[in-house]
Structures are given as structure tokens and as C-alpha cells.
All heavy atoms as atom14 arrays in JSON, in Angstrom:
{
  "sequence": "RMALIELSLWFLPYLTVGLAMWLRGTSRLFDPMVVTMNWLNVLIYI",
  "atom14_mask": [
    [1, 1, 1, 1, 1, 1, 1, 1, 1, 1, 1, 0, 0, 0],
    [1, 1, 1, 1, 1, 1, 1, 1, 0, 0, 0, 0, 0, 0],
    [1, 1, 1, 1, 1, 0, 0, 0, 0, 0, 0, 0, 0, 0],
    [1, 1, 1, 1, 1, 1, 1, 1, 0, 0, 0, 0, 0, 0],
    [1, 1, 1, 1, 1, 1, 1, 1, 0, 0, 0, 0, 0, 0],
    [1, 1, 1, 1, 1, 1, 1, 1, 1, 0, 0, 0, 0, 0],
    [1, 1, 1, 1, 1, 1, 1, 1, 0, 0, 0, 0, 0, 0],
    [1, 1, 1, 1, 1, 1, 0, 0, 0, 0, 0, 0, 0, 0],
    [1, 1, 1, 1, 1, 1, 1, 1, 0, 0, 0, 0, 0, 0],
    [1, 1, 1, 1, 1, 1, 1, 1, 1, 1, 1, 1, 1, 1],
    [1, 1, 1, 1, 1, 1, 1, 1, 1, 1, 1, 0, 0, 0],
    [1, 1, 1, 1, 1, 1, 1, 1, 0, 0, 0, 0, 0, 0],
    [1, 1, 1, 1, 1, 1, 1, 0, 0, 0, 0, 0, 0, 0],
    [1, 1, 1, 1, 1, 1, 1, 1, 1, 1, 1, 1, 0, 0],
    [1, 1, 1, 1, 1, 1, 1, 1, 0, 0, 0, 0, 0, 0],
    [1, 1, 1, 1, 1, 1, 1, 0, 0, 0, 0, 0, 0, 0],
    [1, 1, 1, 1, 1, 1, 1, 0, 0, 0, 0, 0, 0, 0],
    [1, 1, 1, 1, 0, 0, 0, 0, 0, 0, 0, 0, 0, 0],
    [1, 1, 1, 1, 1, 1, 1, 1, 0, 0, 0, 0, 0, 0],
    [1, 1, 1, 1, 1, 0, 0, 0, 0, 0, 0, 0, 0, 0],
    [1, 1, 1, 1, 1, 1, 1, 1, 0, 0, 0, 0, 0, 0],
    [1, 1, 1, 1, 1, 1, 1, 1, 1, 1, 1, 1, 1, 1],
    [1, 1, 1, 1, 1, 1, 1, 1, 0, 0, 0, 0, 0, 0],
    [1, 1, 1, 1, 1, 1, 1, 1, 1, 1, 1, 0, 0, 0],
    [1, 1, 1, 1, 0, 0, 0, 0, 0, 0, 0, 0, 0, 0],
    [1, 1, 1, 1, 1, 1, 1, 0, 0, 0, 0, 0, 0, 0],
    [1, 1, 1, 1, 1, 1, 0, 0, 0, 0, 0, 0, 0, 0],
    [1, 1, 1, 1, 1, 1, 1, 1, 1, 1, 1, 0, 0, 0],
    [1, 1, 1, 1, 1, 1, 1, 1, 0, 0, 0, 0, 0, 0],
    [1, 1, 1, 1, 1, 1, 1, 1, 1, 1, 1, 0, 0, 0],
    [1, 1, 1, 1, 1, 1, 1, 1, 0, 0, 0, 0, 0, 0],
    [1, 1, 1, 1, 1, 1, 1, 0, 0, 0, 0, 0, 0, 0],
    [1, 1, 1, 1, 1, 1, 1, 1, 0, 0, 0, 0, 0, 0],
    [1, 1, 1, 1, 1, 1, 1, 0, 0, 0, 0, 0, 0, 0],
    [1, 1, 1, 1, 1, 1, 1, 0, 0, 0, 0, 0, 0, 0],
    [1, 1, 1, 1, 1, 1, 1, 0, 0, 0, 0, 0, 0, 0],
    [1, 1, 1, 1, 1, 1, 1, 1, 0, 0, 0, 0, 0, 0],
    [1, 1, 1, 1, 1, 1, 1, 1, 0, 0, 0, 0, 0, 0],
    [1, 1, 1, 1, 1, 1, 1, 1, 1, 1, 1, 1, 1, 1],
    [1, 1, 1, 1, 1, 1, 1, 1, 0, 0, 0, 0, 0, 0],
    [1, 1, 1, 1, 1, 1, 1, 1, 0, 0, 0, 0, 0, 0],
    [1, 1, 1, 1, 1, 1, 1, 0, 0, 0, 0, 0, 0, 0],
    [1, 1, 1, 1, 1, 1, 1, 1, 0, 0, 0, 0, 0, 0],
    [1, 1, 1, 1, 1, 1, 1, 1, 0, 0, 0, 0, 0, 0],
    [1, 1, 1, 1, 1, 1, 1, 1, 1, 1, 1, 1, 0, 0],
    [1, 1, 1, 1, 1, 1, 1, 1, 0, 0, 0, 0, 0, 0]
  ],
  "atom14_positions": [
    [[-21.08, 1.14, 2.61], [-20.34, 1.96, 1.66], [-19.04, 2.48, 2.27], [-18.02, 2.56, 1.59], [-21.22, 3.11, 1.19], [-22.37, 2.67, 0.3], [-23.29, 3.81, -0.07], [-24.36, 3.37, -0.96], [-25.3, 4.16, -1.43], [-25.33, 5.45, -1.08], [-26.24, 3.69, -2.23], [0.0, 0.0, 0.0], [0.0, 0.0, 0.0], [0.0, 0.0, 0.0]],
    [[-19.06, 2.84, 3.54], [-17.83, 3.3, 4.2], [-16.79, 2.18, 4.24], [-15.6, 2.42, 4.03], [-18.15, 3.77, 5.62], [-18.97, 5.06, 5.69], [-18.15, 6.48, 4.9], [-16.73, 6.69, 5.97], [0.0, 0.0, 0.0], [0.0, 0.0, 0.0], [0.0, 0.0, 0.0], [0.0, 0.0, 0.0], [0.0, 0.0, 0.0], [0.0, 0.0, 0.0]],
    [[-17.25, 0.95, 4.5], [-16.32, -0.19, 4.51], [-15.72, -0.41, 3.13], [-14.51, -0.69, 3.0], [-17.05, -1.45, 4.97], [0.0, 0.0, 0.0], [0.0, 0.0, 0.0], [0.0, 0.0, 0.0], [0.0, 0.0, 0.0], [0.0, 0.0, 0.0], [0.0, 0.0, 0.0], [0.0, 0.0, 0.0], [0.0, 0.0, 0.0], [0.0, 0.0, 0.0]],
    [[-16.53, -0.26, 2.1], [-16.05, -0.41, 0.72], [-15.0, 0.65, 0.4], [-13.97, 0.35, -0.23], [-17.22, -0.32, -0.25], [-16.88, -0.46, -1.74], [-16.24, -1.8, -2.02], [-18.15, -0.29, -2.59], [0.0, 0.0, 0.0], [0.0, 0.0, 0.0], [0.0, 0.0, 0.0], [0.0, 0.0, 0.0], [0.0, 0.0, 0.0], [0.0, 0.0, 0.0]],
    [[-15.22, 1.87, 0.85], [-14.26, 2.95, 0.62], [-12.95, 2.66, 1.34], [-11.86, 2.81, 0.78], [-14.86, 4.3, 1.08], [-16.0, 4.72, 0.16], [-13.78, 5.39, 1.11], [-16.79, 5.9, 0.66], [0.0, 0.0, 0.0], [0.0, 0.0, 0.0], [0.0, 0.0, 0.0], [0.0, 0.0, 0.0], [0.0, 0.0, 0.0], [0.0, 0.0, 0.0]],
    [[-13.05, 2.23, 2.59], [-11.84, 1.93, 3.37], [-11.02, 0.84, 2.69], [-9.78, 0.95, 2.59], [-12.21, 1.5, 4.79], [-12.85, 2.57, 5.64], [-11.88, 3.58, 6.21], [-10.67, 3.49, 5.9], [-12.32, 4.45, 6.96], [0.0, 0.0, 0.0], [0.0, 0.0, 0.0], [0.0, 0.0, 0.0], [0.0, 0.0, 0.0], [0.0, 0.0, 0.0]],
    [[-11.68, -0.22, 2.24], [-10.96, -1.31, 1.59], [-10.31, -0.85, 0.29], [-9.17, -1.22, -0.01], [-11.9, -2.48, 1.32], [-12.24, -3.37, 2.51], [-13.29, -4.41, 2.12], [-10.98, -4.07, 3.03], [0.0, 0.0, 0.0], [0.0, 0.0, 0.0], [0.0, 0.0, 0.0], [0.0, 0.0, 0.0], [0.0, 0.0, 0.0], [0.0, 0.0, 0.0]],
    [[-11.03, -0.06, -0.47], [-10.49, 0.44, -1.74], [-9.25, 1.29, -1.5], [-8.23, 1.14, -2.2], [-11.56, 1.26, -2.48], [-12.69, 0.48, -2.77], [0.0, 0.0, 0.0], [0.0, 0.0, 0.0], [0.0, 0.0, 0.0], [0.0, 0.0, 0.0], [0.0, 0.0, 0.0], [0.0, 0.0, 0.0], [0.0, 0.0, 0.0], [0.0, 0.0, 0.0]],
    [[-9.32, 2.15, -0.5], [-8.2, 3.05, -0.21], [-7.04, 2.31, 0.46], [-5.92, 2.8, 0.47], [-8.67, 4.22, 0.67], [-9.7, 5.14, 0.0], [-10.12, 6.24, 0.97], [-9.15, 5.73, -1.29], [0.0, 0.0, 0.0], [0.0, 0.0, 0.0], [0.0, 0.0, 0.0], [0.0, 0.0, 0.0], [0.0, 0.0, 0.0], [0.0, 0.0, 0.0]],
    [[-7.32, 1.14, 1.03], [-6.25, 0.33, 1.61], [-5.38, -0.26, 0.5], [-4.15, -0.24, 0.59], [-6.85, -0.79, 2.46], [-5.83, -1.57, 3.26], [-4.84, -2.37, 2.76], [-5.7, -1.58, 4.68], [-4.1, -2.91, 3.79], [-4.61, -2.44, 4.97], [-6.41, -0.99, 5.72], [-4.21, -2.69, 6.29], [-6.0, -1.26, 7.03], [-4.92, -2.1, 7.3]],
    [[-6.03, -0.76, -0.57], [-5.29, -1.48, -1.61], [-4.79, -0.57, -2.73], [-3.81, -0.91, -3.4], [-6.15, -2.59, -2.2], [-6.34, -3.76, -1.28], [-7.5, -3.91, -0.53], [-5.34, -4.71, -1.16], [-7.67, -4.98, 0.33], [-5.49, -5.8, -0.31], [-6.66, -5.93, 0.44], [0.0, 0.0, 0.0], [0.0, 0.0, 0.0], [0.0, 0.0, 0.0]],
    [[-5.44, 0.56, -2.96], [-5.04, 1.43, -4.06], [-3.57, 1.84, -4.01], [-2.88, 1.79, -5.05], [-5.93, 2.68, -4.09], [-5.58, 3.7, -5.17], [-5.73, 3.1, -6.57], [-6.46, 4.95, -5.03], [0.0, 0.0, 0.0], [0.0, 0.0, 0.0], [0.0, 0.0, 0.0], [0.0, 0.0, 0.0], [0.0, 0.0, 0.0], [0.0, 0.0, 0.0]],
    [[-3.02, 2.23, -2.85], [-1.61, 2.64, -2.84], [-0.65, 1.55, -3.28], [0.42, 1.86, -3.83], [-1.36, 3.02, -1.37], [-2.71, 3.4, -0.86], [-3.66, 2.48, -1.55], [0.0, 0.0, 0.0], [0.0, 0.0, 0.0], [0.0, 0.0, 0.0], [0.0, 0.0, 0.0], [0.0, 0.0, 0.0], [0.0, 0.0, 0.0], [0.0, 0.0, 0.0]],
    [[-1.02, 0.28, -3.06], [-0.13, -0.79, -3.5], [-0.04, -0.85, -5.01], [1.01, -1.2, -5.57], [-0.59, -2.13, -2.93], [-0.62, -2.15, -1.41], [-1.58, -2.85, -0.72], [0.31, -1.41, -0.69], [-1.61, -2.84, 0.67], [0.29, -1.39, 0.7], [-0.67, -2.11, 1.36], [-0.7, -2.08, 2.73], [0.0, 0.0, 0.0], [0.0, 0.0, 0.0]],
    [[-1.12, -0.5, -5.68], [-1.1, -0.45, -7.14], [-0.29, 0.75, -7.64], [0.56, 0.61, -8.52], [-2.53, -0.36, -7.68], [-3.45, -1.54, -7.36], [-4.86, -1.26, -7.88], [-2.91, -2.83, -7.96], [0.0, 0.0, 0.0], [0.0, 0.0, 0.0], [0.0, 0.0, 0.0], [0.0, 0.0, 0.0], [0.0, 0.0, 0.0], [0.0, 0.0, 0.0]],
    [[-0.55, 1.92, -7.07], [0.12, 3.13, -7.55], [1.59, 3.17, -7.15], [2.44, 3.54, -7.96], [-0.61, 4.37, -7.02], [-0.7, 4.31, -5.59], [-2.02, 4.45, -7.59], [0.0, 0.0, 0.0], [0.0, 0.0, 0.0], [0.0, 0.0, 0.0], [0.0, 0.0, 0.0], [0.0, 0.0, 0.0], [0.0, 0.0, 0.0], [0.0, 0.0, 0.0]],
    [[1.89, 2.78, -5.92], [3.29, 2.75, -5.49], [4.03, 1.64, -6.21], [5.19, 1.8, -6.61], [3.39, 2.59, -3.96], [4.85, 2.43, -3.53], [2.78, 3.79, -3.25], [0.0, 0.0, 0.0], [0.0, 0.0, 0.0], [0.0, 0.0, 0.0], [0.0, 0.0, 0.0], [0.0, 0.0, 0.0], [0.0, 0.0, 0.0], [0.0, 0.0, 0.0]],
    [[3.37, 0.5, -6.39], [4.0, -0.6, -7.12], [4.35, -0.19, -8.54], [5.42, -0.53, -9.05], [0.0, 0.0, 0.0], [0.0, 0.0, 0.0], [0.0, 0.0, 0.0], [0.0, 0.0, 0.0], [0.0, 0.0, 0.0], [0.0, 0.0, 0.0], [0.0, 0.0, 0.0], [0.0, 0.0, 0.0], [0.0, 0.0, 0.0], [0.0, 0.0, 0.0]],
    [[3.45, 0.56, -9.18], [3.73, 1.05, -10.53], [4.91, 2.02, -10.52], [5.8, 1.94, -11.39], [2.49, 1.75, -11.09], [2.64, 2.4, -12.47], [3.01, 1.33, -13.52], [1.36, 3.12, -12.87], [0.0, 0.0, 0.0], [0.0, 0.0, 0.0], [0.0, 0.0, 0.0], [0.0, 0.0, 0.0], [0.0, 0.0, 0.0], [0.0, 0.0, 0.0]],
    [[4.95, 2.9, -9.53], [6.07, 3.85, -9.43], [7.38, 3.11, -9.21], [8.41, 3.47, -9.8], [5.81, 4.84, -8.29], [0.0, 0.0, 0.0], [0.0, 0.0, 0.0], [0.0, 0.0, 0.0], [0.0, 0.0, 0.0], [0.0, 0.0, 0.0], [0.0, 0.0, 0.0], [0.0, 0.0, 0.0], [0.0, 0.0, 0.0], [0.0, 0.0, 0.0]],
    [[7.36, 2.07, -8.39], [8.57, 1.29, -8.15], [9.02, 0.58, -9.43], [10.22, 0.53, -9.74], [8.32, 0.26, -7.04], [8.22, 0.84, -5.66], [7.87, -0.44, -4.42], [8.13, 0.49, -2.91], [0.0, 0.0, 0.0], [0.0, 0.0, 0.0], [0.0, 0.0, 0.0], [0.0, 0.0, 0.0], [0.0, 0.0, 0.0], [0.0, 0.0, 0.0]],
    [[8.07, 0.04, -10.16], [8.4, -0.66, -11.41], [9.02, 0.3, -12.41], [10.03, -0.01, -13.06], [7.15, -1.29, -11.98], [7.38, -2.0, -13.29], [8.05, -3.17, -13.49], [6.93, -1.55, -14.57], [8.05, -3.49, -14.83], [7.37, -2.51, -15.52], [6.21, -0.46, -15.02], [7.11, -2.39, -16.88], [5.94, -0.34, -16.38], [6.39, -1.3, -17.29]],
    [[8.45, 1.5, -12.53], [8.97, 2.5, -13.47], [10.36, 2.98, -13.07], [11.18, 3.33, -13.93], [8.02, 3.69, -13.55], [6.66, 3.42, -14.21], [5.75, 4.63, -14.08], [6.84, 3.04, -15.69], [0.0, 0.0, 0.0], [0.0, 0.0, 0.0], [0.0, 0.0, 0.0], [0.0, 0.0, 0.0], [0.0, 0.0, 0.0], [0.0, 0.0, 0.0]],
    [[10.65, 2.99, -11.79], [11.93, 3.5, -11.29], [12.94, 2.38, -11.02], [14.03, 2.63, -10.52], [11.71, 4.32, -10.02], [10.86, 5.57, -10.28], [10.58, 6.32, -9.0], [11.8, 6.89, -8.42], [12.34, 8.03, -8.79], [11.79, 8.74, -9.78], [13.42, 8.48, -8.2], [0.0, 0.0, 0.0], [0.0, 0.0, 0.0], [0.0, 0.0, 0.0]],
    [[12.56, 1.15, -11.34], [13.49, 0.03, -11.19], [13.76, -0.36, -9.75], [14.83, -0.89, -9.43], [0.0, 0.0, 0.0], [0.0, 0.0, 0.0], [0.0, 0.0, 0.0], [0.0, 0.0, 0.0], [0.0, 0.0, 0.0], [0.0, 0.0, 0.0], [0.0, 0.0, 0.0], [0.0, 0.0, 0.0], [0.0, 0.0, 0.0], [0.0, 0.0, 0.0]],
    [[12.8, -0.12, -8.85], [12.97, -0.48, -7.44], [11.91, -1.48, -6.98], [11.48, -1.44, -5.83], [12.92, 0.79, -6.55], [11.68, 1.47, -6.77], [14.08, 1.71, -6.85], [0.0, 0.0, 0.0], [0.0, 0.0, 0.0], [0.0, 0.0, 0.0], [0.0, 0.0, 0.0], [0.0, 0.0, 0.0], [0.0, 0.0, 0.0], [0.0, 0.0, 0.0]],
    [[11.5, -2.35, -7.89], [10.44, -3.32, -7.56], [10.83, -4.25, -6.41], [9.96, -4.83, -5.77], [10.1, -4.16, -8.8], [9.57, -3.36, -9.82], [0.0, 0.0, 0.0], [0.0, 0.0, 0.0], [0.0, 0.0, 0.0], [0.0, 0.0, 0.0], [0.0, 0.0, 0.0], [0.0, 0.0, 0.0], [0.0, 0.0, 0.0], [0.0, 0.0, 0.0]],
    [[12.13, -4.36, -6.15], [12.58, -5.21, -5.04], [12.04, -4.72, -3.7], [12.01, -5.48, -2.71], [14.11, -5.24, -5.0], [14.73, -3.91, -4.59], [16.24, -3.88, -4.7], [16.79, -2.62, -4.23], [16.79, -1.49, -4.92], [16.26, -1.48, -6.15], [17.3, -0.39, -4.42], [0.0, 0.0, 0.0], [0.0, 0.0, 0.0], [0.0, 0.0, 0.0]],
    [[11.62, -3.46, -3.65], [11.12, -2.88, -2.41], [9.63, -3.14, -2.2], [9.08, -2.79, -1.15], [11.35, -1.36, -2.39], [12.79, -0.87, -2.48], [12.84, 0.66, -2.52], [13.61, -1.4, -1.3], [0.0, 0.0, 0.0], [0.0, 0.0, 0.0], [0.0, 0.0, 0.0], [0.0, 0.0, 0.0], [0.0, 0.0, 0.0], [0.0, 0.0, 0.0]],
    [[8.99, -3.78, -3.18], [7.53, -3.89, -3.12], [7.06, -4.72, -1.93], [6.19, -4.28, -1.16], [6.98, -4.48, -4.41], [5.48, -4.55, -4.44], [4.73, -3.4, -4.68], [4.81, -5.75, -4.21], [3.34, -3.45, -4.69], [3.43, -5.8, -4.22], [2.69, -4.65, -4.46], [0.0, 0.0, 0.0], [0.0, 0.0, 0.0], [0.0, 0.0, 0.0]],
    [[7.6, -5.92, -1.75], [7.16, -6.76, -0.64], [7.41, -6.11, 0.72], [6.51, -6.08, 1.57], [7.83, -8.14, -0.71], [7.19, -9.02, -1.78], [6.2, -8.59, -2.41], [7.7, -10.14, -1.99], [0.0, 0.0, 0.0], [0.0, 0.0, 0.0], [0.0, 0.0, 0.0], [0.0, 0.0, 0.0], [0.0, 0.0, 0.0], [0.0, 0.0, 0.0]],
    [[8.63, -5.58, 0.97], [8.83, -4.87, 2.24], [7.88, -3.69, 2.41], [7.43, -3.39, 3.52], [10.29, -4.4, 2.16], [10.94, -5.34, 1.22], [9.89, -5.7, 0.21], [0.0, 0.0, 0.0], [0.0, 0.0, 0.0], [0.0, 0.0, 0.0], [0.0, 0.0, 0.0], [0.0, 0.0, 0.0], [0.0, 0.0, 0.0], [0.0, 0.0, 0.0]],
    [[7.57, -3.01, 1.29], [6.64, -1.89, 1.37], [5.26, -2.34, 1.82], [4.62, -1.71, 2.66], [6.55, -1.2, 0.0], [5.61, 0.01, -0.06], [3.88, -0.43, -0.45], [4.04, -1.02, -2.15], [0.0, 0.0, 0.0], [0.0, 0.0, 0.0], [0.0, 0.0, 0.0], [0.0, 0.0, 0.0], [0.0, 0.0, 0.0], [0.0, 0.0, 0.0]],
    [[4.79, -3.46, 1.25], [3.47, -3.97, 1.61], [3.41, -4.3, 3.1], [2.46, -3.94, 3.81], [3.11, -5.2, 0.76], [1.85, -5.88, 1.3], [2.92, -4.81, -0.69], [0.0, 0.0, 0.0], [0.0, 0.0, 0.0], [0.0, 0.0, 0.0], [0.0, 0.0, 0.0], [0.0, 0.0, 0.0], [0.0, 0.0, 0.0], [0.0, 0.0, 0.0]],
    [[4.42, -4.99, 3.59], [4.45, -5.37, 5.0], [4.46, -4.14, 5.91], [3.66, -4.04, 6.85], [5.68, -6.26, 5.31], [5.79, -6.51, 6.82], [5.57, -7.58, 4.56], [0.0, 0.0, 0.0], [0.0, 0.0, 0.0], [0.0, 0.0, 0.0], [0.0, 0.0, 0.0], [0.0, 0.0, 0.0], [0.0, 0.0, 0.0], [0.0, 0.0, 0.0]],
    [[5.35, -3.2, 5.62], [5.46, -2.02, 6.48], [4.2, -1.16, 6.42], [3.72, -0.67, 7.44], [6.69, -1.17, 6.12], [6.66, -0.86, 4.72], [7.97, -1.91, 6.42], [0.0, 0.0, 0.0], [0.0, 0.0, 0.0], [0.0, 0.0, 0.0], [0.0, 0.0, 0.0], [0.0, 0.0, 0.0], [0.0, 0.0, 0.0], [0.0, 0.0, 0.0]],
    [[3.63, -1.01, 5.23], [2.43, -0.18, 5.1], [1.23, -0.83, 5.78], [0.41, -0.14, 6.4], [2.13, 0.1, 3.63], [3.16, 0.99, 2.95], [3.24, 2.64, 3.68], [1.7, 3.32, 3.11], [0.0, 0.0, 0.0], [0.0, 0.0, 0.0], [0.0, 0.0, 0.0], [0.0, 0.0, 0.0], [0.0, 0.0, 0.0], [0.0, 0.0, 0.0]],
    [[1.11, -2.14, 5.67], [-0.01, -2.82, 6.33], [0.04, -2.61, 7.84], [-0.97, -2.26, 8.47], [-0.01, -4.32, 6.01], [-0.68, -4.62, 4.68], [-1.47, -3.84, 4.18], [-0.36, -5.77, 4.11], [0.0, 0.0, 0.0], [0.0, 0.0, 0.0], [0.0, 0.0, 0.0], [0.0, 0.0, 0.0], [0.0, 0.0, 0.0], [0.0, 0.0, 0.0]],
    [[1.22, -2.81, 8.44], [1.31, -2.67, 9.89], [1.34, -1.19, 10.3], [0.88, -0.85, 11.39], [2.52, -3.43, 10.43], [2.38, -4.91, 10.24], [3.18, -5.74, 9.52], [1.33, -5.75, 10.76], [2.72, -7.03, 9.55], [1.57, -7.07, 10.31], [0.21, -5.51, 11.55], [0.74, -8.13, 10.63], [-0.63, -6.59, 11.87], [-0.35, -7.87, 11.41]],
    [[1.86, -0.32, 9.44], [1.76, 1.11, 9.73], [0.3, 1.53, 9.8], [-0.07, 2.37, 10.64], [2.49, 1.92, 8.65], [2.33, 3.45, 8.73], [2.96, 3.98, 10.02], [2.97, 4.12, 7.51], [0.0, 0.0, 0.0], [0.0, 0.0, 0.0], [0.0, 0.0, 0.0], [0.0, 0.0, 0.0], [0.0, 0.0, 0.0], [0.0, 0.0, 0.0]],
    [[-0.54, 0.95, 8.95], [-1.96, 1.29, 8.97], [-2.6, 0.97, 10.32], [-3.5, 1.69, 10.77], [-2.7, 0.55, 7.86], [-2.52, 1.2, 6.51], [-2.21, 2.38, 6.41], [-2.69, 0.43, 5.46], [0.0, 0.0, 0.0], [0.0, 0.0, 0.0], [0.0, 0.0, 0.0], [0.0, 0.0, 0.0], [0.0, 0.0, 0.0], [0.0, 0.0, 0.0]],
    [[-2.15, -0.1, 10.97], [-2.69, -0.42, 12.29], [-2.38, 0.72, 13.27], [-3.25, 1.18, 14.02], [-2.12, -1.76, 12.81], [-2.62, -2.02, 14.24], [-2.5, -2.91, 11.9], [0.0, 0.0, 0.0], [0.0, 0.0, 0.0], [0.0, 0.0, 0.0], [0.0, 0.0, 0.0], [0.0, 0.0, 0.0], [0.0, 0.0, 0.0], [0.0, 0.0, 0.0]],
    [[-1.13, 1.18, 13.24], [-0.74, 2.28, 14.12], [-1.54, 3.54, 13.8], [-2.0, 4.25, 14.7], [0.76, 2.54, 13.95], [1.5, 3.2, 15.11], [1.34, 2.39, 16.39], [2.98, 3.36, 14.77], [0.0, 0.0, 0.0], [0.0, 0.0, 0.0], [0.0, 0.0, 0.0], [0.0, 0.0, 0.0], [0.0, 0.0, 0.0], [0.0, 0.0, 0.0]],
    [[-1.74, 3.79, 12.51], [-2.52, 4.97, 12.09], [-3.96, 4.87, 12.58], [-4.52, 5.83, 13.12], [-2.47, 5.12, 10.56], [-1.07, 5.58, 10.12], [-3.53, 6.11, 10.08], [-0.87, 5.57, 8.62], [0.0, 0.0, 0.0], [0.0, 0.0, 0.0], [0.0, 0.0, 0.0], [0.0, 0.0, 0.0], [0.0, 0.0, 0.0], [0.0, 0.0, 0.0]],
    [[-4.55, 3.69, 12.43], [-5.95, 3.54, 12.84], [-6.13, 3.57, 14.35], [-7.19, 3.95, 14.85], [-6.56, 2.26, 12.26], [-7.07, 2.44, 10.86], [-6.39, 1.91, 9.76], [-8.23, 3.16, 10.61], [-6.86, 2.08, 8.47], [-8.71, 3.33, 9.32], [-8.01, 2.79, 8.26], [-8.48, 2.97, 6.97], [0.0, 0.0, 0.0], [0.0, 0.0, 0.0]],
    [[-5.11, 3.17, 15.09], [-5.17, 3.32, 16.55], [-5.32, 4.79, 16.91], [-6.14, 5.18, 17.75], [-3.93, 2.71, 17.22], [-3.96, 1.18, 17.13], [-3.83, 3.15, 18.68], [-2.7, 0.5, 17.59], [0.0, 0.0, 0.0], [0.0, 0.0, 0.0], [0.0, 0.0, 0.0], [0.0, 0.0, 0.0], [0.0, 0.0, 0.0], [0.0, 0.0, 0.0]]
  ]
}
């Protein structure tokens, strides 16, 4: 269950931030955001 929670919370921000970017007309930032957030998570988990 803890693993399921971690995975859910990993992907949820991409949906919510992606929606915010789409609403604000900054969808071009989505791919760079995914890359930076994924690798930022490694630093956070360290």
C-alpha cells in the first residue's frame, strides 16, 4: 500500500500541473517540467 501511495503521488502532480499549464497557455513547459521534476525527486528521496 505504501508503494501504491508513492506511485500515485509521483504521477498526480503531472496531471494537476499539466492542467494548470494548459489553462494558462504554458503547455510548452510540460515536457521540461516532467524531466526536471523526475530528477528532482531523486535528489529529494536521497
